[in-house]
Amino acid sequence: MLKTVYLLRSLSNPQKTYVGVTTDFVRRLEEHNSGRAPHTARFKPWEIVVVLEFSNDAKADPFEAYLKSGSGHAFARKRFWQSKVTRVEGGRRRSAVLRGWCRGYRVCLFGDGQSGLGERR
């Protein structure tokens, strides 16, 4: 089962952000936006900033923990939170998306051998 690390920003209070990990991102986002997730209920609704899908579960949990650490906060602030989130463009190879650190993207999905659109390379 694939794990997803995701970063959300509150629409009601854009200073509030959230980093999480799940095996069912669609269900989890619905929980955040419906108020059923206690930690995020107060600042709903939430918008997606970045979604990273890991084909190796053993890498997803440590990456989420890293994003919640001091250096991970700095990394996310520079690479994700400051980006202008809009869309996933077609035709870009995974390496090009990684080089751009998801700047200009609303959702980036990565699995082994996949582009940001879930296409095999």
C-alpha atoms as a PDB file:
ATOM      1  CA  MET A   1       0.000   0.000   0.000  1.00  0.00           C
ATOM      2  CA  LEU A   2       1.330   3.426  -0.956  1.00  0.00           C
ATOM      3  CA  LYS A   3       1.770   6.109   1.671  1.00  0.00           C
ATOM      4  CA  THR A   4       1.264   9.782   0.993  1.00  0.00           C
ATOM      5  CA  VAL A   5       2.972  12.691   2.760  1.00  0.00           C
ATOM      6  CA  TYR A   6       0.970  15.881   2.338  1.00  0.00           C
ATOM      7  CA  LEU A   7       1.209  19.548   3.204  1.00  0.00           C
ATOM      8  CA  LEU A   8      -1.936  21.616   3.743  1.00  0.00           C
ATOM      9  CA  ARG A   9      -2.578  25.321   4.329  1.00  0.00           C
ATOM     10  CA  SER A  10      -5.622  26.679   6.143  1.00  0.00           C
ATOM     11  CA  LEU A  11      -7.879  28.852   3.991  1.00  0.00           C
ATOM     12  CA  SER A  12      -9.411  30.470   7.083  1.00  0.00           C
ATOM     13  CA  ASN A  13      -5.976  31.296   8.567  1.00  0.00           C
ATOM     14  CA  PRO A  14      -3.212  31.004   5.924  1.00  0.00           C
ATOM     15  CA  GLN A  15      -0.509  31.204   8.626  1.00  0.00           C
ATOM     16  CA  LYS A  16      -1.601  27.736   9.799  1.00  0.00           C
ATOM     17  CA  THR A  17      -0.091  24.779   8.005  1.00  0.00           C
ATOM     18  CA  TYR A  18      -0.238  21.031   8.495  1.00  0.00           C
ATOM     19  CA  VAL A  19       1.997  18.109   7.493  1.00  0.00           C
ATOM     20  CA  GLY A  20       0.652  14.571   7.607  1.00  0.00           C
ATOM     21  CA  VAL A  21       1.016  11.035   6.282  1.00  0.00           C
ATOM     22  CA  THR A  22      -1.743   8.619   5.253  1.00  0.00           C
ATOM     23  CA  THR A  23      -2.567   5.621   3.082  1.00  0.00           C
ATOM     24  CA  ASP A  24      -5.817   7.225   1.834  1.00  0.00           C
ATOM     25  CA  PHE A  25      -5.237  10.878   1.011  1.00  0.00           C
ATOM     26  CA  VAL A  26      -8.740  11.613  -0.349  1.00  0.00           C
ATOM     27  CA  ARG A  27     -10.400  10.283   2.824  1.00  0.00           C
ATOM     28  CA  ARG A  28      -7.923  12.096   5.067  1.00  0.00           C
ATOM     29  CA  LEU A  29      -8.380  15.451   3.306  1.00  0.00           C
ATOM     30  CA  GLU A  30     -12.152  15.061   3.683  1.00  0.00           C
ATOM     31  CA  GLU A  31     -11.639  14.437   7.419  1.00  0.00           C
ATOM     32  CA  HIS A  32      -9.554  17.609   7.721  1.00  0.00           C
ATOM     33  CA  ASN A  33     -12.111  19.713   5.832  1.00  0.00           C
ATOM     34  CA  SER A  34     -15.165  18.290   7.619  1.00  0.00           C
ATOM     35  CA  GLY A  35     -13.712  18.958  11.082  1.00  0.00           C
ATOM     36  CA  ARG A  36     -13.393  15.258  12.020  1.00  0.00           C
ATOM     37  CA  ALA A  37      -9.617  15.584  12.484  1.00  0.00           C
ATOM     38  CA  PRO A  38      -9.260  17.172  15.945  1.00  0.00           C
ATOM     39  CA  HIS A  39      -5.856  18.773  15.335  1.00  0.00           C
ATOM     40  CA  THR A  40      -7.023  20.663  12.227  1.00  0.00           C
ATOM     41  CA  ALA A  41     -10.753  21.194  12.865  1.00  0.00           C
ATOM     42  CA  ARG A  42     -10.339  24.710  14.246  1.00  0.00           C
ATOM     43  CA  PHE A  43      -8.712  26.043  11.055  1.00  0.00           C
ATOM     44  CA  LYS A  44     -10.789  24.363   8.340  1.00  0.00           C
ATOM     45  CA  PRO A  45     -11.115  24.447   5.372  1.00  0.00           C
ATOM     46  CA  TRP A  46      -7.706  23.338   4.130  1.00  0.00           C
ATOM     47  CA  GLU A  47      -6.102  23.602   0.699  1.00  0.00           C
ATOM     48  CA  ILE A  48      -3.560  21.189  -0.742  1.00  0.00           C
ATOM     49  CA  VAL A  49      -0.066  22.600  -1.121  1.00  0.00           C
ATOM     50  CA  VAL A  50       1.911  19.449  -1.971  1.00  0.00           C
ATOM     51  CA  VAL A  51       1.160  15.726  -2.076  1.00  0.00           C
ATOM     52  CA  LEU A  52       4.050  13.258  -2.290  1.00  0.00           C
ATOM     53  CA  GLU A  53       3.265   9.593  -2.884  1.00  0.00           C
ATOM     54  CA  PHE A  54       5.851   7.047  -1.754  1.00  0.00           C
ATOM     55  CA  SER A  55       5.998   3.538  -3.197  1.00  0.00           C
ATOM     56  CA  ASN A  56       8.252   2.592  -0.277  1.00  0.00           C
ATOM     57  CA  ASP A  57       6.367   2.944   3.028  1.00  0.00           C
ATOM     58  CA  ALA A  58       9.632   2.876   4.944  1.00  0.00           C
ATOM     59  CA  LYS A  59      10.551   6.266   3.414  1.00  0.00           C
ATOM     60  CA  ALA A  60       7.231   8.073   3.912  1.00  0.00           C
ATOM     61  CA  ASP A  61       7.135   8.107   7.724  1.00  0.00           C
ATOM     62  CA  PRO A  62      10.722   9.354   8.130  1.00  0.00           C
ATOM     63  CA  PHE A  63      10.118  12.070   5.507  1.00  0.00           C
ATOM     64  CA  GLU A  64       7.017  13.266   7.363  1.00  0.00           C
ATOM     65  CA  ALA A  65       9.017  13.291  10.614  1.00  0.00           C
ATOM     66  CA  TYR A  66      11.787  15.247   8.859  1.00  0.00           C
ATOM     67  CA  LEU A  67       9.289  17.875   7.614  1.00  0.00           C
ATOM     68  CA  LYS A  68       8.163  18.321  11.232  1.00  0.00           C
ATOM     69  CA  SER A  69      11.748  18.795  12.481  1.00  0.00           C
ATOM     70  CA  GLY A  70      13.638  22.090  12.654  1.00  0.00           C
ATOM     71  CA  SER A  71      15.593  21.599   9.428  1.00  0.00           C
ATOM     72  CA  GLY A  72      12.509  20.072   7.787  1.00  0.00           C
ATOM     73  CA  HIS A  73      10.489  23.178   8.642  1.00  0.00           C
ATOM     74  CA  ALA A  74      13.171  25.313   6.969  1.00  0.00           C
ATOM     75  CA  PHE A  75      13.199  23.029   3.909  1.00  0.00           C
ATOM     76  CA  ALA A  76       9.399  23.092   3.576  1.00  0.00           C
ATOM     77  CA  ARG A  77       9.272  26.863   4.109  1.00  0.00           C
ATOM     78  CA  LYS A  78      11.783  27.411   1.294  1.00  0.00           C
ATOM     79  CA  ARG A  79      10.619  24.695  -1.104  1.00  0.00           C
ATOM     80  CA  PHE A  80       6.880  24.262  -0.503  1.00  0.00           C
ATOM     81  CA  TRP A  81       5.140  26.911   1.593  1.00  0.00           C
ATOM     82  CA  GLN A  82       6.467  29.868  -0.416  1.00  0.00           C
ATOM     83  CA  SER A  83       5.552  28.349  -3.786  1.00  0.00           C
ATOM     84  CA  LYS A  84       2.669  29.625  -5.868  1.00  0.00           C
ATOM     85  CA  VAL A  85       0.421  26.590  -6.055  1.00  0.00           C
ATOM     86  CA  THR A  86      -1.634  26.323  -9.221  1.00  0.00           C
ATOM     87  CA  ARG A  87      -1.637  23.105 -11.232  1.00  0.00           C
ATOM     88  CA  VAL A  88       0.168  19.991 -12.405  1.00  0.00           C
ATOM     89  CA  GLU A  89       1.491  20.510 -15.923  1.00  0.00           C
ATOM     90  CA  GLY A  90       1.456  17.673 -18.422  1.00  0.00           C
ATOM     91  CA  GLY A  91       4.545  16.336 -20.115  1.00  0.00           C
ATOM     92  CA  ARG A  92       7.117  17.159 -17.451  1.00  0.00           C
ATOM     93  CA  ARG A  93       9.454  14.396 -16.415  1.00  0.00           C
ATOM     94  CA  ARG A  94       9.787  13.558 -12.728  1.00  0.00           C
ATOM     95  CA  SER A  95      13.381  14.818 -12.595  1.00  0.00           C
ATOM     96  CA  ALA A  96      12.303  18.203 -13.977  1.00  0.00           C
ATOM     97  CA  VAL A  97       9.556  18.444 -11.359  1.00  0.00           C
ATOM     98  CA  LEU A  98      11.988  17.494  -8.613  1.00  0.00           C
ATOM     99  CA  ARG A  99      14.487  20.108  -9.826  1.00  0.00           C
ATOM    100  CA  GLY A 100      11.704  22.693  -9.589  1.00  0.00           C
ATOM    101  CA  TRP A 101      10.811  21.454  -6.074  1.00  0.00           C
ATOM    102  CA  CYS A 102       7.138  21.515  -7.026  1.00  0.00           C
ATOM    103  CA  ARG A 103       7.108  25.293  -7.540  1.00  0.00           C
ATOM    104  CA  GLY A 104       3.925  26.240  -9.362  1.00  0.00           C
ATOM    105  CA  TYR A 105       2.204  22.940  -8.591  1.00  0.00           C
ATOM    106  CA  ARG A 106      -0.858  22.216  -6.513  1.00  0.00           C
ATOM    107  CA  VAL A 107      -0.311  18.435  -6.386  1.00  0.00           C
ATOM    108  CA  CYS A 108       2.812  16.444  -7.129  1.00  0.00           C
ATOM    109  CA  LEU A 109       2.441  12.657  -7.084  1.00  0.00           C
ATOM    110  CA  PHE A 110       5.601  10.593  -7.188  1.00  0.00           C
ATOM    111  CA  GLY A 111       6.051   6.842  -7.239  1.00  0.00           C
ATOM    112  CA  ASP A 112       9.008   4.891  -8.563  1.00  0.00           C
ATOM    113  CA  GLY A 113       9.233   5.383 -12.312  1.00  0.00           C
ATOM    114  CA  GLN A 114       6.369   7.872 -12.487  1.00  0.00           C
ATOM    115  CA  SER A 115       6.074  11.443 -13.627  1.00  0.00           C
ATOM    116  CA  GLY A 116       4.018  13.981 -11.701  1.00  0.00           C
ATOM    117  CA  LEU A 117       0.940  12.783 -13.604  1.00  0.00           C
ATOM    118  CA  GLY A 118       1.253   9.131 -12.672  1.00  0.00           C
ATOM    119  CA  GLU A 119       2.578   8.181 -16.114  1.00  0.00           C
ATOM    120  CA  ARG A 120       5.286   5.549 -16.432  1.00  0.00           C
ATOM    121  CA  ARG A 121       8.552   6.784 -17.904  1.00  0.00           C
END
